[in-house]
Structure formats: C-alpha cells, structure tokens
Amino acid sequence: MSEKLTYTLVSLIKEDIRRKRIIDTGKMLNSISVSLSNSVDGYVLDISAEDYFQYQDKRYNILEDVLKTTQWTNALDEVMVKLIEDSIG
C-alpha cells in the first residue's frame, strides 16, 4: 500500500519536473524520494530531494500541481479504501 503511494508521488513529481523542463544535470530529479510513516496525528509523507528543490518548487509550483492531479487523487483514494477495509476487518 505505502509503496504504491510513495512510488506514485515520486513518479508524478519527476514527470512534472520533466514537463516543466527544470532539468539541468538531473541531480535534483534523481535525488527525489518519498517515505510514508505513521505518527500520532496520522500518516506523514516525507519528501526528500536536493536542497535546491524547495526553491524550484516555490518558483514552479511542482508539489502544488502534482497534488492536484487525478493520478494523485486516485492513489490516495485507493489507500483510503484499503485502510477502511483493513480497519473494518
């Protein structure tokens, strides 16, 4: 479950970077990773990348655009359904 969600998010971020042509050496693109963990308040998605990703994200709205996609919404929906089914038993 979490692997599919994190893989989807990484793929969508990389796709957005390519589409917006924000690639110089490819170092930032290849550094992107996502992990999912539990916390007291729920689940936490942690996005790691080269430090300058934050500036590119601010300039090009990478995450904002990715989180609006149908693919991301569908991935989240699948995870939510699975969590509900698991909790019901």
Protein backbone atom coordinates (compact mmCIF):
# COMPACT_ATOMS: atom_id res chain seq x y z
CA MET A 1 0.00 0.00 0.00
CA SER A 2 2.54 2.59 1.07
CA GLU A 3 4.98 1.54 -1.65
CA LYS A 4 2.45 2.23 -4.38
CA LEU A 5 1.58 5.61 -2.89
CA THR A 6 5.19 6.72 -2.50
CA TYR A 7 6.10 5.39 -5.96
CA THR A 8 3.17 7.31 -7.46
CA LEU A 9 4.18 10.55 -5.78
CA VAL A 10 7.83 10.23 -6.85
CA SER A 11 6.75 9.45 -10.42
CA LEU A 12 4.38 12.40 -10.56
CA ILE A 13 6.98 14.81 -9.18
CA LYS A 14 9.57 13.63 -11.70
CA GLU A 15 7.03 13.83 -14.52
CA ASP A 16 6.14 17.41 -13.55
CA ILE A 17 9.81 18.42 -13.43
CA ARG A 18 10.38 16.93 -16.88
CA ARG A 19 7.23 18.54 -18.29
CA LYS A 20 8.31 21.95 -16.96
CA ARG A 21 11.86 21.36 -18.24
CA ILE A 22 13.51 22.11 -14.90
CA ILE A 23 16.37 19.70 -15.54
CA ASP A 24 19.97 20.83 -15.68
CA THR A 25 22.23 17.96 -14.63
CA GLY A 26 19.49 15.59 -13.46
CA LYS A 27 20.87 15.59 -9.91
CA MET A 28 17.70 17.03 -8.37
CA LEU A 29 15.48 14.73 -10.41
CA ASN A 30 17.41 11.64 -9.35
CA SER A 31 17.51 12.69 -5.69
CA ILE A 32 13.74 12.66 -5.14
CA SER A 33 12.43 10.09 -2.71
CA VAL A 34 9.28 9.78 -0.62
CA SER A 35 8.62 7.81 2.55
CA LEU A 36 5.39 7.20 4.44
CA SER A 37 5.28 6.79 8.20
CA ASN A 38 2.72 6.74 11.00
CA SER A 39 2.54 9.49 13.56
CA VAL A 40 0.27 10.29 16.46
CA ASP A 41 -1.81 12.50 14.16
CA GLY A 42 -1.99 10.07 11.23
CA TYR A 43 0.27 9.38 8.31
CA VAL A 44 3.20 11.54 7.22
CA LEU A 45 4.64 11.70 3.71
CA ASP A 46 8.25 12.84 3.81
CA ILE A 47 9.68 14.12 0.53
CA SER A 48 13.46 14.24 0.27
CA ALA A 49 15.44 15.86 -2.52
CA GLU A 50 18.43 18.05 -3.19
CA ASP A 51 18.21 21.19 -1.05
CA TYR A 52 17.50 23.44 -4.02
CA PHE A 53 14.29 21.52 -4.78
CA GLN A 54 12.49 23.80 -2.33
CA TYR A 55 13.42 26.86 -4.40
CA GLN A 56 12.42 25.21 -7.67
CA ASP A 57 9.16 24.09 -6.07
CA LYS A 58 8.45 27.62 -4.89
CA ARG A 59 9.17 29.03 -8.35
CA TYR A 60 7.40 26.36 -10.45
CA ASN A 61 4.71 25.07 -8.04
CA ILE A 62 5.80 21.47 -8.53
CA LEU A 63 4.12 19.93 -5.48
CA GLU A 64 1.03 22.11 -5.76
CA ASP A 65 0.48 20.98 -9.33
CA VAL A 66 1.24 17.32 -8.58
CA LEU A 67 -1.17 17.18 -5.65
CA LYS A 68 -3.98 18.47 -7.89
CA THR A 69 -3.63 15.64 -10.43
CA THR A 70 -6.19 12.94 -10.95
CA GLN A 71 -3.45 10.31 -10.62
CA TRP A 72 -2.57 11.52 -7.11
CA THR A 73 -6.22 11.74 -6.07
CA ASN A 74 -6.83 8.20 -7.33
CA ALA A 75 -3.77 6.87 -5.48
CA LEU A 76 -4.95 8.48 -2.24
CA ASP A 77 -8.46 7.10 -2.75
CA GLU A 78 -7.10 3.57 -3.17
CA VAL A 79 -5.09 3.87 0.04
CA MET A 80 -8.06 5.23 1.98
CA VAL A 81 -10.30 2.40 0.79
CA LYS A 82 -7.65 -0.14 1.82
CA LEU A 83 -7.25 1.45 5.26
CA ILE A 84 -11.00 1.42 5.82
CA GLU A 85 -11.32 -2.19 4.67
CA ASP A 86 -8.45 -3.23 6.96
CA SER A 87 -9.94 -1.44 9.95
CA ILE A 88 -13.39 -2.99 9.39
CA GLY A 89 -11.85 -6.43 9.06
